[in-house]
């Protein structure tokens, strides 16, 4: 599975700027990335949190379980983002 495959599976937009959100941590898993091919291999389960990064503005978001509850990462605190 590549980053492009993950983006295609999770086409979410940033509530702040409308840019595309890139899934950078799937279901709390830690992934290894082959720098030559971009292929992802699963390494370790660390929880049920998904982390996204906006490709446009760089804002970070987390979701718990269902992707319908967006949160913005601000330093060490989580902040709910209203649509």
PDB file of N, CA and C in Angstrom:
ATOM      1  N   UNK A   1       0.851  -1.184   0.000  1.00  0.00           N
ATOM      2  CA  UNK A   1       0.000   0.000   0.000  1.00  0.00           C
ATOM      3  C   UNK A   1       0.891   1.239   0.000  1.00  0.00           C
ATOM      4  N   UNK A   2       0.577   2.207  -0.829  1.00  0.00           N
ATOM      5  CA  UNK A   2       1.381   3.423  -0.914  1.00  0.00           C
ATOM      6  C   UNK A   2       0.615   4.599  -0.320  1.00  0.00           C
ATOM      7  N   UNK A   3       1.297   5.731  -0.183  1.00  0.00           N
ATOM      8  CA  UNK A   3       0.629   6.943   0.296  1.00  0.00           C
ATOM      9  C   UNK A   3      -0.538   7.309  -0.614  1.00  0.00           C
ATOM     10  N   UNK A   4      -0.366   7.146  -1.925  1.00  0.00           N
ATOM     11  CA  UNK A   4      -1.441   7.484  -2.853  1.00  0.00           C
ATOM     12  C   UNK A   4      -2.659   6.604  -2.622  1.00  0.00           C
ATOM     13  N   UNK A   5      -2.430   5.312  -2.313  1.00  0.00           N
ATOM     14  CA  UNK A   5      -3.549   4.424  -2.004  1.00  0.00           C
ATOM     15  C   UNK A   5      -4.299   4.912  -0.765  1.00  0.00           C
ATOM     16  N   UNK A   6      -3.557   5.324   0.258  1.00  0.00           N
ATOM     17  CA  UNK A   6      -4.188   5.817   1.486  1.00  0.00           C
ATOM     18  C   UNK A   6      -4.973   7.090   1.217  1.00  0.00           C
ATOM     19  N   UNK A   7      -4.412   8.005   0.422  1.00  0.00           N
ATOM     20  CA  UNK A   7      -5.122   9.248   0.106  1.00  0.00           C
ATOM     21  C   UNK A   7      -6.423   8.953  -0.626  1.00  0.00           C
ATOM     22  N   UNK A   8      -6.393   7.996  -1.537  1.00  0.00           N
ATOM     23  CA  UNK A   8      -7.590   7.659  -2.299  1.00  0.00           C
ATOM     24  C   UNK A   8      -8.662   7.064  -1.398  1.00  0.00           C
ATOM     25  N   UNK A   9      -8.252   6.323  -0.365  1.00  0.00           N
ATOM     26  CA  UNK A   9      -9.205   5.695   0.541  1.00  0.00           C
ATOM     27  C   UNK A   9      -9.802   6.687   1.537  1.00  0.00           C
ATOM     28  N   UNK A  10      -9.111   7.764   1.834  1.00  0.00           N
ATOM     29  CA  UNK A  10      -9.562   8.718   2.848  1.00  0.00           C
ATOM     30  C   UNK A  10      -9.572  10.136   2.276  1.00  0.00           C
ATOM     31  N   UNK A  11     -10.530  10.441   1.377  1.00  0.00           N
ATOM     32  CA  UNK A  11     -10.544  11.758   0.727  1.00  0.00           C
ATOM     33  C   UNK A  11     -11.232  12.828   1.574  1.00  0.00           C
ATOM     34  N   UNK A  12     -10.575  13.282   2.632  1.00  0.00           N
ATOM     35  CA  UNK A  12     -11.159  14.268   3.527  1.00  0.00           C
ATOM     36  C   UNK A  12     -10.562  15.638   3.256  1.00  0.00           C
ATOM     37  N   UNK A  13     -11.347  16.692   3.531  1.00  0.00           N
ATOM     38  CA  UNK A  13     -10.870  18.050   3.307  1.00  0.00           C
ATOM     39  C   UNK A  13     -10.683  18.779   4.627  1.00  0.00           C
ATOM     40  N   UNK A  14      -9.773  19.728   4.631  1.00  0.00           N
ATOM     41  CA  UNK A  14      -9.438  20.512   5.806  1.00  0.00           C
ATOM     42  C   UNK A  14     -10.566  21.492   6.123  1.00  0.00           C
ATOM     43  N   UNK A  15     -11.086  21.486   7.349  1.00  0.00           N
ATOM     44  CA  UNK A  15     -12.124  22.446   7.728  1.00  0.00           C
ATOM     45  C   UNK A  15     -11.615  23.890   7.703  1.00  0.00           C
ATOM     46  N   UNK A  16     -10.307  24.083   7.847  1.00  0.00           N
ATOM     47  CA  UNK A  16      -9.730  25.423   7.902  1.00  0.00           C
ATOM     48  C   UNK A  16      -9.603  26.064   6.518  1.00  0.00           C
ATOM     49  N   UNK A  17      -9.004  25.295   5.549  1.00  0.00           N
ATOM     50  CA  UNK A  17      -8.722  25.915   4.241  1.00  0.00           C
ATOM     51  C   UNK A  17      -9.332  25.162   3.071  1.00  0.00           C
ATOM     52  N   UNK A  18      -9.900  23.974   3.309  1.00  0.00           N
ATOM     53  CA  UNK A  18     -10.492  23.199   2.228  1.00  0.00           C
ATOM     54  C   UNK A  18      -9.506  22.331   1.468  1.00  0.00           C
ATOM     55  N   UNK A  19      -8.238  22.309   1.912  1.00  0.00           N
ATOM     56  CA  UNK A  19      -7.223  21.490   1.247  1.00  0.00           C
ATOM     57  C   UNK A  19      -7.417  20.013   1.547  1.00  0.00           C
ATOM     58  N   UNK A  20      -6.697  19.170   0.822  1.00  0.00           N
ATOM     59  CA  UNK A  20      -6.776  17.721   1.020  1.00  0.00           C
ATOM     60  C   UNK A  20      -6.033  17.310   2.277  1.00  0.00           C
ATOM     61  N   UNK A  21      -6.648  16.402   3.058  1.00  0.00           N
ATOM     62  CA  UNK A  21      -5.999  15.860   4.250  1.00  0.00           C
ATOM     63  C   UNK A  21      -5.291  14.566   3.897  1.00  0.00           C
ATOM     64  N   UNK A  22      -4.024  14.473   4.257  1.00  0.00           N
ATOM     65  CA  UNK A  22      -3.226  13.277   4.034  1.00  0.00           C
ATOM     66  C   UNK A  22      -3.194  12.463   5.319  1.00  0.00           C
ATOM     67  N   UNK A  23      -3.577  11.200   5.234  1.00  0.00           N
ATOM     68  CA  UNK A  23      -3.529  10.315   6.386  1.00  0.00           C
ATOM     69  C   UNK A  23      -2.073   9.994   6.687  1.00  0.00           C
ATOM     70  N   UNK A  24      -1.601  10.375   7.886  1.00  0.00           N
ATOM     71  CA  UNK A  24      -0.201  10.128   8.217  1.00  0.00           C
ATOM     72  C   UNK A  24      -0.041   9.091   9.319  1.00  0.00           C
ATOM     73  N   UNK A  25      -1.136   8.677   9.954  1.00  0.00           N
ATOM     74  CA  UNK A  25      -1.085   7.590  10.937  1.00  0.00           C
ATOM     75  C   UNK A  25      -2.419   6.879  10.891  1.00  0.00           C
ATOM     76  N   UNK A  26      -2.422   5.645  10.400  1.00  0.00           N
ATOM     77  CA  UNK A  26      -3.670   4.902  10.221  1.00  0.00           C
ATOM     78  C   UNK A  26      -4.017   4.107  11.465  1.00  0.00           C
ATOM     79  N   UNK A  27      -5.155   4.406  12.049  1.00  0.00           N
ATOM     80  CA  UNK A  27      -5.691   3.676  13.201  1.00  0.00           C
ATOM     81  C   UNK A  27      -4.685   3.550  14.329  1.00  0.00           C
ATOM     82  N   UNK A  28      -3.827   4.543  14.464  1.00  0.00           N
ATOM     83  CA  UNK A  28      -2.848   4.513  15.526  1.00  0.00           C
ATOM     84  C   UNK A  28      -1.686   3.590  15.247  1.00  0.00           C
ATOM     85  N   UNK A  29      -1.637   3.019  14.057  1.00  0.00           N
ATOM     86  CA  UNK A  29      -0.540   2.123  13.711  1.00  0.00           C
ATOM     87  C   UNK A  29       0.715   2.920  13.382  1.00  0.00           C
ATOM     88  N   UNK A  30       1.857   2.300  13.583  1.00  0.00           N
ATOM     89  CA  UNK A  30       3.123   2.877  13.137  1.00  0.00           C
ATOM     90  C   UNK A  30       3.522   2.134  11.869  1.00  0.00           C
ATOM     91  N   UNK A  31       3.855   2.890  10.833  1.00  0.00           N
ATOM     92  CA  UNK A  31       4.187   2.313   9.530  1.00  0.00           C
ATOM     93  C   UNK A  31       5.648   2.567   9.202  1.00  0.00           C
ATOM     94  N   UNK A  32       6.258   1.620   8.527  1.00  0.00           N
ATOM     95  CA  UNK A  32       7.575   1.821   7.944  1.00  0.00           C
ATOM     96  C   UNK A  32       7.369   2.157   6.473  1.00  0.00           C
ATOM     97  N   UNK A  33       8.165   3.102   5.951  1.00  0.00           N
ATOM     98  CA  UNK A  33       8.057   3.505   4.557  1.00  0.00           C
ATOM     99  C   UNK A  33       9.359   3.171   3.843  1.00  0.00           C
ATOM    100  N   UNK A  34       9.232   2.470   2.731  1.00  0.00           N
ATOM    101  CA  UNK A  34      10.399   2.204   1.885  1.00  0.00           C
ATOM    102  C   UNK A  34      10.666   3.458   1.070  1.00  0.00           C
ATOM    103  N   UNK A  35      11.789   4.170   1.292  1.00  0.00           N
ATOM    104  CA  UNK A  35      12.034   5.427   0.605  1.00  0.00           C
ATOM    105  C   UNK A  35      12.154   5.274  -0.910  1.00  0.00           C
ATOM    106  N   UNK A  36      12.537   4.114  -1.388  1.00  0.00           N
ATOM    107  CA  UNK A  36      12.702   3.914  -2.824  1.00  0.00           C
ATOM    108  C   UNK A  36      11.365   3.762  -3.541  1.00  0.00           C
ATOM    109  N   UNK A  37      10.402   3.061  -2.897  1.00  0.00           N
ATOM    110  CA  UNK A  37       9.139   2.758  -3.568  1.00  0.00           C
ATOM    111  C   UNK A  37       7.940   3.487  -2.979  1.00  0.00           C
ATOM    112  N   UNK A  38       8.072   4.008  -1.753  1.00  0.00           N
ATOM    113  CA  UNK A  38       6.930   4.630  -1.082  1.00  0.00           C
ATOM    114  C   UNK A  38       5.973   3.621  -0.479  1.00  0.00           C
ATOM    115  N   UNK A  39       6.305   2.332  -0.555  1.00  0.00           N
ATOM    116  CA  UNK A  39       5.442   1.293   0.005  1.00  0.00           C
ATOM    117  C   UNK A  39       5.439   1.358   1.528  1.00  0.00           C
ATOM    118  N   UNK A  40       4.267   1.133   2.110  1.00  0.00           N
ATOM    119  CA  UNK A  40       4.116   1.141   3.564  1.00  0.00           C
ATOM    120  C   UNK A  40       4.028  -0.287   4.077  1.00  0.00           C
ATOM    121  N   UNK A  41       4.691  -0.562   5.178  1.00  0.00           N
ATOM    122  CA  UNK A  41       4.550  -1.849   5.854  1.00  0.00           C
ATOM    123  C   UNK A  41       4.214  -1.577   7.311  1.00  0.00           C
ATOM    124  N   UNK A  42       3.273  -2.341   7.821  1.00  0.00           N
ATOM    125  CA  UNK A  42       2.807  -2.148   9.194  1.00  0.00           C
ATOM    126  C   UNK A  42       3.875  -2.595  10.165  1.00  0.00           C
ATOM    127  N   UNK A  43       4.085  -1.797  11.227  1.00  0.00           N
ATOM    128  CA  UNK A  43       5.087  -2.143  12.221  1.00  0.00           C
ATOM    129  C   UNK A  43       4.484  -2.427  13.589  1.00  0.00           C
ATOM    130  N   UNK A  44       3.551  -1.606  14.043  1.00  0.00           N
ATOM    131  CA  UNK A  44       3.101  -1.735  15.432  1.00  0.00           C
ATOM    132  C   UNK A  44       1.771  -1.017  15.630  1.00  0.00           C
ATOM    133  N   UNK A  45       0.875  -1.613  16.414  1.00  0.00           N
ATOM    134  CA  UNK A  45      -0.399  -0.984  16.783  1.00  0.00           C
ATOM    135  C   UNK A  45      -0.189  -0.147  18.040  1.00  0.00           C
ATOM    136  N   UNK A  46      -0.567   1.121  18.006  1.00  0.00           N
ATOM    137  CA  UNK A  46      -0.357   1.979  19.178  1.00  0.00           C
ATOM    138  C   UNK A  46      -1.647   2.628  19.681  1.00  0.00           C
ATOM    139  N   UNK A  47      -2.793   2.299  19.097  1.00  0.00           N
ATOM    140  CA  UNK A  47      -4.032   2.881  19.572  1.00  0.00           C
ATOM    141  C   UNK A  47      -5.050   2.972  18.458  1.00  0.00           C
ATOM    142  N   UNK A  48      -6.141   3.685  18.690  1.00  0.00           N
ATOM    143  CA  UNK A  48      -7.197   3.815  17.691  1.00  0.00           C
ATOM    144  C   UNK A  48      -7.343   5.259  17.230  1.00  0.00           C
ATOM    145  N   UNK A  49      -6.253   5.951  17.061  1.00  0.00           N
ATOM    146  CA  UNK A  49      -6.298   7.354  16.642  1.00  0.00           C
ATOM    147  C   UNK A  49      -5.746   7.468  15.233  1.00  0.00           C
ATOM    148  N   UNK A  50      -6.399   8.249  14.408  1.00  0.00           N
ATOM    149  CA  UNK A  50      -5.916   8.529  13.062  1.00  0.00           C
ATOM    150  C   UNK A  50      -5.460   9.982  13.008  1.00  0.00           C
ATOM    151  N   UNK A  51      -4.294  10.210  12.462  1.00  0.00           N
ATOM    152  CA  UNK A  51      -3.749  11.563  12.357  1.00  0.00           C
ATOM    153  C   UNK A  51      -3.699  11.952  10.885  1.00  0.00           C
ATOM    154  N   UNK A  52      -4.185  13.158  10.584  1.00  0.00           N
ATOM    155  CA  UNK A  52      -4.172  13.683   9.232  1.00  0.00           C
ATOM    156  C   UNK A  52      -3.384  14.990   9.202  1.00  0.00           C
ATOM    157  N   UNK A  53      -2.771  15.290   8.066  1.00  0.00           N
ATOM    158  CA  UNK A  53      -2.107  16.577   7.864  1.00  0.00           C
ATOM    159  C   UNK A  53      -2.651  17.192   6.588  1.00  0.00           C
ATOM    160  N   UNK A  54      -3.001  18.485   6.655  1.00  0.00           N
ATOM    161  CA  UNK A  54      -3.474  19.188   5.475  1.00  0.00           C
ATOM    162  C   UNK A  54      -2.286  19.464   4.552  1.00  0.00           C
ATOM    163  N   UNK A  55      -2.412  19.062   3.290  1.00  0.00           N
ATOM    164  CA  UNK A  55      -1.323  19.270   2.331  1.00  0.00           C
ATOM    165  C   UNK A  55      -1.202  20.733   1.930  1.00  0.00           C
ATOM    166  N   UNK A  56      -2.225  21.530   2.218  1.00  0.00           N
ATOM    167  CA  UNK A  56      -2.220  22.943   1.831  1.00  0.00           C
ATOM    168  C   UNK A  56      -1.674  23.844   2.943  1.00  0.00           C
ATOM    169  N   UNK A  57      -2.309  23.801   4.128  1.00  0.00           N
ATOM    170  CA  UNK A  57      -1.918  24.715   5.212  1.00  0.00           C
ATOM    171  C   UNK A  57      -1.061  24.056   6.286  1.00  0.00           C
ATOM    172  N   UNK A  58      -0.917  22.717   6.266  1.00  0.00           N
ATOM    173  CA  UNK A  58      -0.071  22.026   7.236  1.00  0.00           C
ATOM    174  C   UNK A  58      -0.736  21.754   8.575  1.00  0.00           C
ATOM    175  N   UNK A  59      -2.020  22.105   8.722  1.00  0.00           N
ATOM    176  CA  UNK A  59      -2.733  21.851   9.984  1.00  0.00           C
ATOM    177  C   UNK A  59      -2.816  20.348  10.241  1.00  0.00           C
ATOM    178  N   UNK A  60      -2.691  19.948  11.512  1.00  0.00           N
ATOM    179  CA  UNK A  60      -2.795  18.537  11.892  1.00  0.00           C
ATOM    180  C   UNK A  60      -4.141  18.278  12.551  1.00  0.00           C
ATOM    181  N   UNK A  61      -4.736  17.124  12.225  1.00  0.00           N
ATOM    182  CA  UNK A  61      -6.012  16.720  12.801  1.00  0.00           C
ATOM    183  C   UNK A  61      -5.915  15.292  13.293  1.00  0.00           C
ATOM    184  N   UNK A  62      -6.714  14.975  14.306  1.00  0.00           N
ATOM    185  CA  UNK A  62      -6.831  13.578  14.736  1.00  0.00           C
ATOM    186  C   UNK A  62      -8.301  13.195  14.743  1.00  0.00           C
ATOM    187  N   UNK A  63      -8.556  11.922  14.533  1.00  0.00           N
ATOM    188  CA  UNK A  63      -9.899  11.368  14.638  1.00  0.00           C
ATOM    189  C   UNK A  63      -9.831  10.104  15.461  1.00  0.00           C
ATOM    190  N   UNK A  64     -10.901   9.838  16.182  1.00  0.00           N
ATOM    191  CA  UNK A  64     -10.989   8.610  16.959  1.00  0.00           C
ATOM    192  C   UNK A  64     -12.063   7.729  16.329  1.00  0.00           C
ATOM    193  N   UNK A  65     -11.662   6.580  15.836  1.00  0.00           N
ATOM    194  CA  UNK A  65     -12.521   5.526  15.315  1.00  0.00           C
ATOM    195  C   UNK A  65     -13.258   5.807  14.013  1.00  0.00           C
ATOM    196  N   UNK A  66     -14.033   6.883  13.864  1.00  0.00           N
ATOM    197  CA  UNK A  66     -14.920   6.926  12.705  1.00  0.00           C
ATOM    198  C   UNK A  66     -14.688   8.084  11.740  1.00  0.00           C
ATOM    199  N   UNK A  67     -13.660   8.879  11.914  1.00  0.00           N
ATOM    200  CA  UNK A  67     -13.335  10.010  11.028  1.00  0.00           C
ATOM    201  C   UNK A  67     -14.377  11.121  11.043  1.00  0.00           C
ATOM    202  N   UNK A  68     -15.402  11.044  11.875  1.00  0.00           N
ATOM    203  CA  UNK A  68     -16.428  12.081  11.857  1.00  0.00           C
ATOM    204  C   UNK A  68     -16.252  13.114  12.967  1.00  0.00           C
ATOM    205  N   UNK A  69     -15.235  12.950  13.815  1.00  0.00           N
ATOM    206  CA  UNK A  69     -15.014  13.882  14.907  1.00  0.00           C
ATOM    207  C   UNK A  69     -13.643  14.539  14.753  1.00  0.00           C
ATOM    208  N   UNK A  70     -13.548  15.606  13.969  1.00  0.00           N
ATOM    209  CA  UNK A  70     -12.230  16.193  13.727  1.00  0.00           C
ATOM    210  C   UNK A  70     -11.694  16.970  14.927  1.00  0.00           C
ATOM    211  N   UNK A  71     -10.422  16.843  15.180  1.00  0.00           N
ATOM    212  CA  UNK A  71      -9.733  17.579  16.225  1.00  0.00           C
ATOM    213  C   UNK A  71      -8.480  18.195  15.629  1.00  0.00           C
ATOM    214  N   UNK A  72      -8.112  19.375  16.087  1.00  0.00           N
ATOM    215  CA  UNK A  72      -6.888  20.014  15.611  1.00  0.00           C
ATOM    216  C   UNK A  72      -5.817  19.888  16.676  1.00  0.00           C
ATOM    217  N   UNK A  73      -4.608  19.542  16.277  1.00  0.00           N
ATOM    218  CA  UNK A  73      -3.484  19.422  17.201  1.00  0.00           C
ATOM    219  C   UNK A  73      -2.832  20.783  17.352  1.00  0.00           C
ATOM    220  N   UNK A  74      -2.852  21.321  18.577  1.00  0.00           N
ATOM    221  CA  UNK A  74      -2.212  22.602  18.864  1.00  0.00           C
ATOM    222  C   UNK A  74      -1.217  22.360  19.969  1.00  0.00           C
ATOM    223  N   UNK A  75       0.050  22.334  19.598  1.00  0.00           N
ATOM    224  CA  UNK A  75       1.115  22.021  20.536  1.00  0.00           C
ATOM    225  C   UNK A  75       0.796  20.698  21.218  1.00  0.00           C
ATOM    226  N   UNK A  76       0.541  20.678  22.528  1.00  0.00           N
ATOM    227  CA  UNK A  76       0.273  19.405  23.207  1.00  0.00           C
ATOM    228  C   UNK A  76      -1.199  19.214  23.544  1.00  0.00           C
ATOM    229  N   UNK A  77      -2.061  20.105  23.068  1.00  0.00           N
ATOM    230  CA  UNK A  77      -3.478  19.994  23.387  1.00  0.00           C
ATOM    231  C   UNK A  77      -4.272  19.659  22.126  1.00  0.00           C
ATOM    232  N   UNK A  78      -5.373  18.911  22.313  1.00  0.00           N
ATOM    233  CA  UNK A  78      -6.278  18.641  21.209  1.00  0.00           C
ATOM    234  C   UNK A  78      -7.414  19.655  21.276  1.00  0.00           C
ATOM    235  N   UNK A  79      -7.766  20.204  20.140  1.00  0.00           N
ATOM    236  CA  UNK A  79      -8.845  21.182  20.084  1.00  0.00           C
ATOM    237  C   UNK A  79      -9.859  20.735  19.044  1.00  0.00           C
ATOM    238  N   UNK A  80     -11.149  20.711  19.414  1.00  0.00           N
ATOM    239  CA  UNK A  80     -12.193  20.329  18.470  1.00  0.00           C
ATOM    240  C   UNK A  80     -12.307  21.408  17.405  1.00  0.00           C
ATOM    241  N   UNK A  81     -12.417  20.980  16.153  1.00  0.00           N
ATOM    242  CA  UNK A  81     -12.594  21.910  15.040  1.00  0.00           C
ATOM    243  C   UNK A  81     -14.052  21.885  14.631  1.00  0.00           C
ATOM    244  N   UNK A  82     -14.697  23.028  14.619  1.00  0.00           N
ATOM    245  CA  UNK A  82     -16.094  23.116  14.199  1.00  0.00           C
ATOM    246  C   UNK A  82     -16.152  23.328  12.697  1.00  0.00           C
ATOM    247  N   UNK A  83     -17.078  22.625  12.034  1.00  0.00           N
ATOM    248  CA  UNK A  83     -17.242  22.802  10.588  1.00  0.00           C
ATOM    249  C   UNK A  83     -18.031  24.050  10.305  1.00  0.00           C
TER     250      UNK A  83
END
